[in-house]
Amino acid sequence: MSLRGATLEDLDAIMALEHASFPSDAWSEAMMREELASPHGWYVVVEEAGRLVGYAGLRAARGAADADIQTITIAAGARGRGRGRALLRTLLEEAARRKVREVFLEVRADNPVAQKLYASEGFTEVGRRPRYYQPDDVDALVMKLDLRGWVARPVPEQEIRPTQVGPGADRPVLAETPVPSPNTDAGACT
């Protein structure tokens, strides 16, 4: 598994995974292109054997006190092996580099696997948005993380966080990193 910053060249592969993971409410190609190009967005991809098997995005304006996790998506055949957790932690580490204090996200009320993943990293439910996901009429749970607490938490020795090895903080390239295989891998999360 390797993690790296997403580029516009990844758009076709991201959109294929987006449509496979979110058949009723996938983002449009124009929306995703805008996210990848935005100075406030920060996206990473997971590759295996040269194939994109996941992606995740963070929206964090420079200097803002809060950020939003936009999406975390893992291909169905690659779920359950810690890739979602690796992407989540990579986004949180970028938010910390941007000096964010709180991170928010919405997650489908009918996705307990994703909810469990987020809770295991310290997110707590702070609200609900009725019928947020359309056309499915599924509520969104709004979750929040105190990022300063997450950064300060003790990390068990056997856990290895993704490590930045590329130039700059805007679109770092991340090393191949062993990640534990926890029982929670969210798959298509948001």
N, C-alpha and C. Protein backbone atom coordinates (compact mmCIF):
# COMPACT_ATOMS: atom_id res chain seq x y z
N MET A 1 0.85 -1.18 0.00
CA MET A 1 0.00 0.00 0.00
C MET A 1 0.89 1.23 0.00
N SER A 2 0.58 2.18 -0.86
CA SER A 2 1.28 3.46 -0.82
C SER A 2 0.25 4.59 -0.84
N LEU A 3 0.54 5.61 -0.07
CA LEU A 3 -0.28 6.82 -0.01
C LEU A 3 0.50 7.93 -0.68
N ARG A 4 -0.23 8.76 -1.44
CA ARG A 4 0.41 9.93 -2.04
C ARG A 4 -0.65 10.99 -2.26
N GLY A 5 -0.16 12.22 -2.45
CA GLY A 5 -1.06 13.32 -2.74
C GLY A 5 -1.77 13.09 -4.06
N ALA A 6 -3.07 13.42 -4.10
CA ALA A 6 -3.85 13.28 -5.33
C ALA A 6 -3.55 14.44 -6.26
N THR A 7 -3.65 14.18 -7.56
CA THR A 7 -3.48 15.21 -8.58
C THR A 7 -4.67 15.14 -9.54
N LEU A 8 -4.75 16.12 -10.42
CA LEU A 8 -5.82 16.10 -11.43
C LEU A 8 -5.70 14.90 -12.36
N GLU A 9 -4.49 14.33 -12.49
CA GLU A 9 -4.32 13.13 -13.31
C GLU A 9 -5.05 11.92 -12.71
N ASP A 10 -5.39 11.99 -11.44
CA ASP A 10 -6.11 10.91 -10.77
C ASP A 10 -7.62 11.01 -10.94
N LEU A 11 -8.09 12.08 -11.56
CA LEU A 11 -9.53 12.35 -11.59
C LEU A 11 -10.35 11.20 -12.17
N ASP A 12 -9.94 10.62 -13.27
CA ASP A 12 -10.74 9.53 -13.87
C ASP A 12 -10.85 8.34 -12.92
N ALA A 13 -9.75 7.95 -12.30
CA ALA A 13 -9.78 6.80 -11.37
C ALA A 13 -10.59 7.13 -10.13
N ILE A 14 -10.47 8.36 -9.64
CA ILE A 14 -11.27 8.78 -8.48
C ILE A 14 -12.75 8.74 -8.82
N MET A 15 -13.11 9.24 -9.99
CA MET A 15 -14.53 9.27 -10.38
C MET A 15 -15.09 7.86 -10.57
N ALA A 16 -14.28 6.95 -11.09
CA ALA A 16 -14.75 5.56 -11.24
C ALA A 16 -15.05 4.97 -9.86
N LEU A 17 -14.17 5.20 -8.90
CA LEU A 17 -14.39 4.71 -7.55
C LEU A 17 -15.55 5.44 -6.87
N GLU A 18 -15.67 6.74 -7.11
CA GLU A 18 -16.78 7.54 -6.56
C GLU A 18 -18.13 6.97 -7.01
N HIS A 19 -18.26 6.69 -8.30
CA HIS A 19 -19.54 6.17 -8.81
C HIS A 19 -19.81 4.74 -8.33
N ALA A 20 -18.77 3.94 -8.18
CA ALA A 20 -18.96 2.58 -7.67
C ALA A 20 -19.35 2.59 -6.20
N SER A 21 -18.82 3.52 -5.43
CA SER A 21 -19.06 3.56 -3.99
C SER A 21 -20.33 4.30 -3.61
N PHE A 22 -20.70 5.30 -4.39
CA PHE A 22 -21.87 6.13 -4.09
C PHE A 22 -22.79 6.19 -5.31
N PRO A 23 -23.42 5.09 -5.67
CA PRO A 23 -24.18 5.05 -6.92
C PRO A 23 -25.34 6.04 -6.98
N SER A 24 -25.95 6.38 -5.85
CA SER A 24 -27.11 7.27 -5.89
C SER A 24 -26.77 8.73 -5.61
N ASP A 25 -25.60 9.00 -5.04
CA ASP A 25 -25.30 10.40 -4.70
C ASP A 25 -23.82 10.75 -4.93
N ALA A 26 -23.23 10.23 -5.99
CA ALA A 26 -21.83 10.52 -6.31
C ALA A 26 -21.66 12.00 -6.64
N TRP A 27 -20.49 12.52 -6.31
CA TRP A 27 -20.15 13.88 -6.71
C TRP A 27 -19.99 13.91 -8.22
N SER A 28 -20.20 15.07 -8.80
CA SER A 28 -19.97 15.23 -10.23
C SER A 28 -18.47 15.38 -10.49
N GLU A 29 -18.08 15.13 -11.73
CA GLU A 29 -16.68 15.29 -12.10
C GLU A 29 -16.24 16.75 -11.89
N ALA A 30 -17.12 17.70 -12.19
CA ALA A 30 -16.78 19.12 -12.02
C ALA A 30 -16.53 19.44 -10.54
N MET A 31 -17.36 18.89 -9.66
CA MET A 31 -17.16 19.12 -8.22
C MET A 31 -15.84 18.55 -7.75
N MET A 32 -15.53 17.33 -8.19
CA MET A 32 -14.29 16.69 -7.75
C MET A 32 -13.08 17.42 -8.33
N ARG A 33 -13.16 17.85 -9.56
CA ARG A 33 -12.06 18.60 -10.17
C ARG A 33 -11.80 19.88 -9.36
N GLU A 34 -12.87 20.55 -8.99
CA GLU A 34 -12.74 21.78 -8.19
C GLU A 34 -12.09 21.48 -6.84
N GLU A 35 -12.49 20.38 -6.21
CA GLU A 35 -11.89 20.00 -4.92
C GLU A 35 -10.40 19.73 -5.06
N LEU A 36 -10.02 18.99 -6.10
CA LEU A 36 -8.61 18.65 -6.30
C LEU A 36 -7.77 19.89 -6.58
N ALA A 37 -8.35 20.89 -7.23
CA ALA A 37 -7.60 22.09 -7.60
C ALA A 37 -7.64 23.18 -6.53
N SER A 38 -8.52 23.07 -5.57
CA SER A 38 -8.70 24.13 -4.57
C SER A 38 -7.50 24.26 -3.63
N PRO A 39 -7.10 25.48 -3.32
CA PRO A 39 -6.04 25.66 -2.34
C PRO A 39 -6.50 25.28 -0.92
N HIS A 40 -7.80 25.18 -0.73
CA HIS A 40 -8.34 24.81 0.58
C HIS A 40 -8.56 23.31 0.72
N GLY A 41 -8.49 22.60 -0.40
CA GLY A 41 -8.66 21.15 -0.38
C GLY A 41 -7.32 20.45 -0.32
N TRP A 42 -7.32 19.26 0.23
CA TRP A 42 -6.10 18.44 0.29
C TRP A 42 -6.55 16.99 0.18
N TYR A 43 -6.20 16.35 -0.93
CA TYR A 43 -6.65 14.99 -1.22
C TYR A 43 -5.47 14.04 -1.33
N VAL A 44 -5.68 12.82 -0.87
CA VAL A 44 -4.67 11.77 -0.97
C VAL A 44 -5.32 10.53 -1.57
N VAL A 45 -4.48 9.69 -2.17
CA VAL A 45 -4.96 8.44 -2.74
C VAL A 45 -4.15 7.28 -2.18
N VAL A 46 -4.76 6.10 -2.19
CA VAL A 46 -4.10 4.85 -1.84
C VAL A 46 -3.96 4.07 -3.13
N GLU A 47 -2.76 3.57 -3.38
CA GLU A 47 -2.51 2.74 -4.55
C GLU A 47 -1.95 1.40 -4.12
N GLU A 48 -2.33 0.39 -4.87
CA GLU A 48 -1.77 -0.95 -4.71
C GLU A 48 -1.50 -1.49 -6.10
N ALA A 49 -0.30 -1.94 -6.32
CA ALA A 49 0.11 -2.48 -7.62
C ALA A 49 -0.23 -1.51 -8.75
N GLY A 50 -0.03 -0.22 -8.51
CA GLY A 50 -0.27 0.80 -9.52
C GLY A 50 -1.72 1.13 -9.77
N ARG A 51 -2.63 0.60 -8.94
CA ARG A 51 -4.07 0.83 -9.11
C ARG A 51 -4.60 1.63 -7.94
N LEU A 52 -5.37 2.68 -8.21
CA LEU A 52 -5.98 3.48 -7.17
C LEU A 52 -7.10 2.68 -6.50
N VAL A 53 -6.99 2.46 -5.18
CA VAL A 53 -8.01 1.69 -4.46
C VAL A 53 -8.70 2.51 -3.38
N GLY A 54 -8.32 3.78 -3.23
CA GLY A 54 -8.98 4.63 -2.26
C GLY A 54 -8.54 6.07 -2.39
N TYR A 55 -9.35 6.95 -1.83
CA TYR A 55 -9.01 8.37 -1.79
C TYR A 55 -9.72 9.01 -0.62
N ALA A 56 -9.21 10.16 -0.23
CA ALA A 56 -9.80 10.90 0.88
C ALA A 56 -9.49 12.38 0.70
N GLY A 57 -10.37 13.22 1.25
CA GLY A 57 -10.18 14.65 1.11
C GLY A 57 -10.49 15.43 2.36
N LEU A 58 -9.74 16.49 2.52
CA LEU A 58 -9.88 17.41 3.65
C LEU A 58 -10.10 18.81 3.08
N ARG A 59 -10.98 19.57 3.68
CA ARG A 59 -11.14 20.98 3.33
C ARG A 59 -10.75 21.77 4.56
N ALA A 60 -9.67 22.53 4.45
CA ALA A 60 -9.14 23.30 5.57
C ALA A 60 -8.51 24.57 5.03
N ALA A 61 -9.23 25.65 5.13
CA ALA A 61 -8.68 26.93 4.68
C ALA A 61 -7.50 27.31 5.56
N ARG A 62 -6.46 27.83 4.94
CA ARG A 62 -5.27 28.24 5.69
C ARG A 62 -5.68 29.25 6.76
N GLY A 63 -5.22 29.00 7.97
CA GLY A 63 -5.48 29.90 9.08
C GLY A 63 -6.80 29.68 9.80
N ALA A 64 -7.65 28.78 9.29
CA ALA A 64 -8.94 28.52 9.92
C ALA A 64 -8.76 27.63 11.15
N ALA A 65 -9.66 27.76 12.11
CA ALA A 65 -9.60 26.96 13.33
C ALA A 65 -10.23 25.59 13.16
N ASP A 66 -11.02 25.41 12.10
CA ASP A 66 -11.67 24.11 11.90
C ASP A 66 -11.50 23.65 10.46
N ALA A 67 -11.74 22.35 10.27
CA ALA A 67 -11.63 21.72 8.96
C ALA A 67 -12.73 20.69 8.82
N ASP A 68 -12.97 20.27 7.59
CA ASP A 68 -13.98 19.25 7.30
C ASP A 68 -13.37 18.12 6.50
N ILE A 69 -13.65 16.91 6.93
CA ILE A 69 -13.32 15.75 6.12
C ILE A 69 -14.43 15.63 5.09
N GLN A 70 -14.05 15.72 3.82
CA GLN A 70 -15.01 15.71 2.74
C GLN A 70 -15.46 14.30 2.37
N THR A 71 -14.49 13.38 2.32
CA THR A 71 -14.80 12.02 1.89
C THR A 71 -13.65 11.09 2.23
N ILE A 72 -13.98 9.84 2.46
CA ILE A 72 -13.00 8.75 2.53
C ILE A 72 -13.66 7.58 1.82
N THR A 73 -12.99 7.05 0.82
CA THR A 73 -13.57 5.97 0.03
C THR A 73 -12.52 4.92 -0.26
N ILE A 74 -12.88 3.66 -0.02
CA ILE A 74 -12.02 2.51 -0.31
C ILE A 74 -12.80 1.57 -1.23
N ALA A 75 -12.15 1.06 -2.25
CA ALA A 75 -12.78 0.10 -3.16
C ALA A 75 -13.25 -1.12 -2.37
N ALA A 76 -14.37 -1.68 -2.76
CA ALA A 76 -14.96 -2.80 -2.04
C ALA A 76 -13.97 -3.94 -1.80
N GLY A 77 -13.18 -4.29 -2.80
CA GLY A 77 -12.24 -5.40 -2.66
C GLY A 77 -11.03 -5.10 -1.81
N ALA A 78 -10.84 -3.85 -1.40
CA ALA A 78 -9.67 -3.46 -0.61
C ALA A 78 -10.03 -3.09 0.83
N ARG A 79 -11.28 -3.28 1.20
CA ARG A 79 -11.74 -2.89 2.55
C ARG A 79 -11.32 -3.90 3.60
N GLY A 80 -11.33 -3.43 4.84
CA GLY A 80 -11.10 -4.32 5.97
C GLY A 80 -9.64 -4.56 6.30
N ARG A 81 -8.74 -3.76 5.74
CA ARG A 81 -7.31 -3.96 5.97
C ARG A 81 -6.61 -2.69 6.46
N GLY A 82 -7.36 -1.74 7.02
CA GLY A 82 -6.77 -0.55 7.63
C GLY A 82 -6.53 0.61 6.69
N ARG A 83 -6.95 0.51 5.45
CA ARG A 83 -6.70 1.60 4.51
C ARG A 83 -7.52 2.84 4.84
N GLY A 84 -8.77 2.66 5.24
CA GLY A 84 -9.60 3.79 5.65
C GLY A 84 -9.01 4.52 6.84
N ARG A 85 -8.53 3.76 7.81
CA ARG A 85 -7.89 4.37 8.99
C ARG A 85 -6.62 5.12 8.59
N ALA A 86 -5.84 4.55 7.69
CA ALA A 86 -4.62 5.22 7.23
C ALA A 86 -4.96 6.54 6.55
N LEU A 87 -5.98 6.55 5.71
CA LEU A 87 -6.40 7.78 5.05
C LEU A 87 -6.90 8.80 6.08
N LEU A 88 -7.72 8.35 7.01
CA LEU A 88 -8.24 9.25 8.04
C LEU A 88 -7.10 9.89 8.82
N ARG A 89 -6.16 9.10 9.26
CA ARG A 89 -5.03 9.64 10.03
C ARG A 89 -4.18 10.59 9.20
N THR A 90 -4.02 10.30 7.93
CA THR A 90 -3.26 11.18 7.05
C THR A 90 -3.96 12.54 6.95
N LEU A 91 -5.28 12.54 6.81
CA LEU A 91 -6.03 13.80 6.77
C LEU A 91 -5.89 14.56 8.08
N LEU A 92 -5.98 13.85 9.20
CA LEU A 92 -5.87 14.50 10.50
C LEU A 92 -4.47 15.09 10.71
N GLU A 93 -3.46 14.40 10.24
CA GLU A 93 -2.10 14.92 10.35
C GLU A 93 -1.93 16.19 9.51
N GLU A 94 -2.55 16.24 8.34
CA GLU A 94 -2.50 17.45 7.53
C GLU A 94 -3.24 18.58 8.23
N ALA A 95 -4.39 18.28 8.81
CA ALA A 95 -5.14 19.31 9.55
C ALA A 95 -4.28 19.85 10.69
N ALA A 96 -3.55 18.99 11.37
CA ALA A 96 -2.67 19.43 12.46
C ALA A 96 -1.56 20.33 11.91
N ARG A 97 -0.99 19.99 10.74
CA ARG A 97 0.04 20.84 10.13
C ARG A 97 -0.52 22.22 9.81
N ARG A 98 -1.81 22.26 9.50
CA ARG A 98 -2.47 23.54 9.19
C ARG A 98 -2.94 24.25 10.46
N LYS A 99 -2.61 23.70 11.62
CA LYS A 99 -2.92 24.28 12.93
C LYS A 99 -4.42 24.38 13.20
N VAL A 100 -5.17 23.41 12.68
CA VAL A 100 -6.61 23.31 12.92
C VAL A 100 -6.83 22.81 14.35
N ARG A 101 -7.90 23.27 14.98
CA ARG A 101 -8.23 22.81 16.34
C ARG A 101 -9.35 21.77 16.37
N GLU A 102 -10.30 21.88 15.44
CA GLU A 102 -11.43 20.94 15.41
C GLU A 102 -11.65 20.47 13.98
N VAL A 103 -11.98 19.18 13.86
CA VAL A 103 -12.27 18.60 12.56
C VAL A 103 -13.70 18.05 12.61
N PHE A 104 -14.47 18.36 11.58
CA PHE A 104 -15.87 17.93 11.48
C PHE A 104 -16.02 17.00 10.29
N LEU A 105 -17.09 16.20 10.32
CA LEU A 105 -17.46 15.36 9.19
C LEU A 105 -18.92 14.99 9.31
N GLU A 106 -19.49 14.60 8.18
CA GLU A 106 -20.82 14.00 8.16
C GLU A 106 -20.65 12.56 7.72
N VAL A 107 -21.41 11.68 8.35
CA VAL A 107 -21.38 10.27 7.99
C VAL A 107 -22.81 9.75 7.95
N ARG A 108 -23.07 8.87 7.02
CA ARG A 108 -24.43 8.33 6.88
C ARG A 108 -24.84 7.61 8.16
N ALA A 109 -26.07 7.85 8.58
CA ALA A 109 -26.60 7.19 9.78
C ALA A 109 -26.71 5.69 9.59
N ASP A 110 -26.74 5.23 8.35
CA ASP A 110 -26.84 3.79 8.08
C ASP A 110 -25.47 3.16 7.77
N ASN A 111 -24.38 3.80 8.22
CA ASN A 111 -23.04 3.27 8.01
C ASN A 111 -22.33 3.09 9.37
N PRO A 112 -22.70 2.04 10.12
CA PRO A 112 -22.10 1.86 11.44
C PRO A 112 -20.61 1.56 11.42
N VAL A 113 -20.11 0.98 10.33
CA VAL A 113 -18.67 0.68 10.24
C VAL A 113 -17.88 1.99 10.23
N ALA A 114 -18.30 2.95 9.41
CA ALA A 114 -17.62 4.24 9.37
C ALA A 114 -17.76 4.97 10.71
N GLN A 115 -18.94 4.92 11.30
CA GLN A 115 -19.15 5.58 12.59
C GLN A 115 -18.20 5.01 13.64
N LYS A 116 -18.03 3.70 13.63
CA LYS A 116 -17.14 3.05 14.60
C LYS A 116 -15.68 3.47 14.37
N LEU A 117 -15.27 3.55 13.10
CA LEU A 117 -13.92 4.00 12.79
C LEU A 117 -13.70 5.41 13.34
N TYR A 118 -14.60 6.32 13.04
CA TYR A 118 -14.45 7.70 13.49
C TYR A 118 -14.44 7.79 15.01
N ALA A 119 -15.34 7.08 15.66
CA ALA A 119 -15.37 7.09 17.13
C ALA A 119 -14.07 6.55 17.72
N SER A 120 -13.49 5.54 17.08
CA SER A 120 -12.26 4.94 17.60
C SER A 120 -11.07 5.91 17.52
N GLU A 121 -11.17 6.91 16.66
CA GLU A 121 -10.13 7.93 16.56
C GLU A 121 -10.45 9.17 17.41
N GLY A 122 -11.60 9.16 18.10
CA GLY A 122 -11.93 10.25 19.02
C GLY A 122 -13.05 11.17 18.58
N PHE A 123 -13.65 10.93 17.41
CA PHE A 123 -14.78 11.76 16.98
C PHE A 123 -16.00 11.47 17.86
N THR A 124 -16.76 12.51 18.14
CA THR A 124 -18.01 12.35 18.88
C THR A 124 -19.15 12.96 18.07
N GLU A 125 -20.33 12.38 18.23
CA GLU A 125 -21.50 12.89 17.52
C GLU A 125 -21.96 14.19 18.18
N VAL A 126 -22.16 15.22 17.35
CA VAL A 126 -22.59 16.52 17.88
C VAL A 126 -23.92 16.98 17.28
N GLY A 127 -24.45 16.23 16.33
CA GLY A 127 -25.71 16.62 15.73
C GLY A 127 -26.14 15.65 14.66
N ARG A 128 -27.29 15.96 14.08
CA ARG A 128 -27.87 15.12 13.03
C ARG A 128 -28.50 16.04 11.99
N ARG A 129 -28.30 15.70 10.73
CA ARG A 129 -28.93 16.42 9.63
C ARG A 129 -29.93 15.48 8.98
N PRO A 130 -31.23 15.70 9.26
CA PRO A 130 -32.24 14.80 8.71
C PRO A 130 -32.25 14.82 7.18
N ARG A 131 -32.35 13.61 6.62
CA ARG A 131 -32.51 13.41 5.18
C ARG A 131 -31.42 14.11 4.36
N TYR A 132 -30.22 14.16 4.89
CA TYR A 132 -29.10 14.87 4.26
C TYR A 132 -28.65 14.20 2.97
N TYR A 133 -28.60 12.87 2.98
CA TYR A 133 -28.14 12.14 1.80
C TYR A 133 -29.32 11.86 0.89
N GLN A 134 -29.30 12.48 -0.28
CA GLN A 134 -30.39 12.34 -1.23
C GLN A 134 -29.86 11.64 -2.49
N PRO A 135 -30.65 10.86 -3.13
CA PRO A 135 -32.09 10.72 -3.00
C PRO A 135 -32.52 9.65 -2.00
N ASP A 136 -31.60 9.17 -1.17
CA ASP A 136 -31.89 8.04 -0.27
C ASP A 136 -32.63 8.42 1.00
N ASP A 137 -32.79 9.71 1.29
CA ASP A 137 -33.45 10.18 2.52
C ASP A 137 -32.77 9.64 3.78
N VAL A 138 -31.46 9.56 3.78
CA VAL A 138 -30.71 9.05 4.93
C VAL A 138 -30.15 10.23 5.72
N ASP A 139 -30.29 10.18 7.03
CA ASP A 139 -29.75 11.22 7.90
C ASP A 139 -28.23 11.19 7.89
N ALA A 140 -27.64 12.35 8.16
CA ALA A 140 -26.20 12.46 8.37
C ALA A 140 -25.96 12.70 9.85
N LEU A 141 -25.03 11.95 10.42
CA LEU A 141 -24.56 12.24 11.76
C LEU A 141 -23.40 13.22 11.60
N VAL A 142 -23.44 14.31 12.36
CA VAL A 142 -22.35 15.27 12.35
C VAL A 142 -21.43 14.90 13.50
N MET A 143 -20.15 14.72 13.20
CA MET A 143 -19.18 14.32 14.22
C MET A 143 -18.06 15.34 14.27
N LYS A 144 -17.46 15.46 15.46
CA LYS A 144 -16.40 16.44 15.68
C LYS A 144 -15.26 15.80 16.45
N LEU A 145 -14.05 16.24 16.14
CA LEU A 145 -12.85 15.77 16.82
C LEU A 145 -12.07 16.97 17.33
N ASP A 146 -11.67 16.94 18.61
CA ASP A 146 -10.73 17.92 19.16
C ASP A 146 -9.35 17.47 18.69
N LEU A 147 -8.82 18.13 17.68
CA LEU A 147 -7.58 17.69 17.07
C LEU A 147 -6.39 17.80 18.01
N ARG A 148 -6.40 18.79 18.88
CA ARG A 148 -5.28 18.92 19.83
C ARG A 148 -5.21 17.69 20.73
N GLY A 149 -6.36 17.18 21.15
CA GLY A 149 -6.39 15.96 21.96
C GLY A 149 -5.93 14.75 21.18
N TRP A 150 -6.32 14.68 19.91
CA TRP A 150 -5.92 13.54 19.06
C TRP A 150 -4.41 13.54 18.87
N VAL A 151 -3.82 14.71 18.62
CA VAL A 151 -2.38 14.81 18.42
C VAL A 151 -1.64 14.43 19.69
N ALA A 152 -2.17 14.83 20.84
CA ALA A 152 -1.49 14.61 22.12
C ALA A 152 -1.68 13.20 22.68
N ARG A 153 -2.57 12.41 22.10
CA ARG A 153 -2.86 11.09 22.65
C ARG A 153 -1.64 10.18 22.53
N PRO A 154 -1.50 9.28 23.47
CA PRO A 154 -0.40 8.31 23.32
C PRO A 154 -0.71 7.35 22.17
N VAL A 155 0.28 7.09 21.35
CA VAL A 155 0.12 6.17 20.22
C VAL A 155 0.80 4.86 20.59
N PRO A 156 0.05 3.75 20.59
CA PRO A 156 0.68 2.46 20.89
C PRO A 156 1.86 2.21 19.97
N GLU A 157 2.88 1.59 20.51
CA GLU A 157 4.12 1.34 19.78
C GLU A 157 3.91 0.58 18.47
N GLN A 158 2.94 -0.35 18.45
CA GLN A 158 2.75 -1.16 17.25
C GLN A 158 2.08 -0.39 16.12
N GLU A 159 1.53 0.80 16.41
CA GLU A 159 0.90 1.59 15.36
C GLU A 159 1.94 2.47 14.70
N ILE A 160 1.88 2.52 13.39
CA ILE A 160 2.79 3.37 12.63
C ILE A 160 1.94 4.32 11.83
N ARG A 161 2.16 5.61 12.01
CA ARG A 161 1.41 6.61 11.25
C ARG A 161 2.07 6.83 9.90
N PRO A 162 1.28 7.22 8.89
CA PRO A 162 1.88 7.57 7.61
C PRO A 162 2.91 8.68 7.80
N THR A 163 3.97 8.64 7.01
CA THR A 163 5.08 9.57 7.15
C THR A 163 5.26 10.37 5.87
N GLN A 164 5.38 11.69 6.01
CA GLN A 164 5.61 12.54 4.85
C GLN A 164 7.05 12.39 4.40
N VAL A 165 7.25 12.17 3.12
CA VAL A 165 8.60 12.10 2.59
C VAL A 165 8.80 12.99 1.37
N GLY A 166 7.72 13.54 0.85
CA GLY A 166 7.82 14.34 -0.36
C GLY A 166 8.06 15.81 -0.07
N PRO A 167 8.27 16.59 -1.09
CA PRO A 167 8.52 18.01 -0.92
C PRO A 167 7.25 18.77 -0.57
N GLY A 168 7.37 19.73 0.32
CA GLY A 168 6.27 20.63 0.63
C GLY A 168 5.14 20.00 1.40
N ALA A 169 4.30 20.83 2.00
CA ALA A 169 3.17 20.34 2.78
C ALA A 169 1.87 20.40 2.01
N ASP A 170 1.85 21.05 0.84
CA ASP A 170 0.59 21.17 0.10
C ASP A 170 0.15 19.86 -0.52
N ARG A 171 1.03 19.14 -1.12
CA ARG A 171 0.72 17.87 -1.77
C ARG A 171 1.84 16.88 -1.50
N PRO A 172 2.02 16.45 -0.25
CA PRO A 172 3.14 15.57 0.03
C PRO A 172 2.95 14.19 -0.59
N VAL A 173 4.06 13.56 -0.83
CA VAL A 173 4.07 12.16 -1.24
C VAL A 173 4.37 11.38 0.02
N LEU A 174 3.60 10.36 0.29
CA LEU A 174 3.74 9.62 1.53
C LEU A 174 4.40 8.27 1.25
N ALA A 175 5.20 7.84 2.18
CA ALA A 175 5.94 6.58 2.02
C ALA A 175 5.01 5.39 2.13
N GLU A 176 5.45 4.27 1.57
CA GLU A 176 4.74 3.02 1.84
C GLU A 176 4.89 2.78 3.33
N THR A 177 3.78 2.56 4.00
CA THR A 177 3.78 2.51 5.44
C THR A 177 2.97 1.34 5.93
N PRO A 178 3.54 0.49 6.78
CA PRO A 178 2.72 -0.57 7.36
C PRO A 178 1.66 0.06 8.27
N VAL A 179 0.45 -0.37 8.12
CA VAL A 179 -0.65 0.11 8.96
C VAL A 179 -1.31 -1.10 9.56
N PRO A 180 -1.66 -1.04 10.86
CA PRO A 180 -2.30 -2.18 11.47
C PRO A 180 -3.62 -2.50 10.77
N SER A 181 -4.04 -3.73 10.87
CA SER A 181 -5.30 -4.14 10.25
C SER A 181 -6.38 -4.22 11.32
N PRO A 182 -6.93 -3.07 11.73
CA PRO A 182 -7.97 -3.09 12.73
C PRO A 182 -9.26 -3.68 12.17
N ASN A 183 -10.19 -3.96 13.04
CA ASN A 183 -11.46 -4.53 12.62
C ASN A 183 -12.37 -3.50 11.98
N THR A 184 -11.99 -2.23 12.03
CA THR A 184 -12.84 -1.20 11.45
C THR A 184 -12.16 -0.56 10.27
N ASP A 185 -12.71 -0.74 9.11
CA ASP A 185 -12.26 -0.05 7.90
C ASP A 185 -13.54 0.41 7.22
N ALA A 186 -13.69 1.69 7.11
CA ALA A 186 -14.98 2.27 6.80
C ALA A 186 -15.46 2.09 5.37
N GLY A 187 -14.60 1.74 4.46
CA GLY A 187 -15.05 1.62 3.07
C GLY A 187 -15.48 2.96 2.54
N ALA A 188 -16.67 3.06 2.01
CA ALA A 188 -17.21 4.33 1.55
C ALA A 188 -17.83 5.04 2.73
N CYS A 189 -17.20 6.10 3.18
CA CYS A 189 -17.57 6.67 4.48
C CYS A 189 -18.54 7.82 4.43
N THR A 190 -18.30 8.77 3.57
CA THR A 190 -19.12 9.97 3.66
C THR A 190 -19.93 10.16 2.41
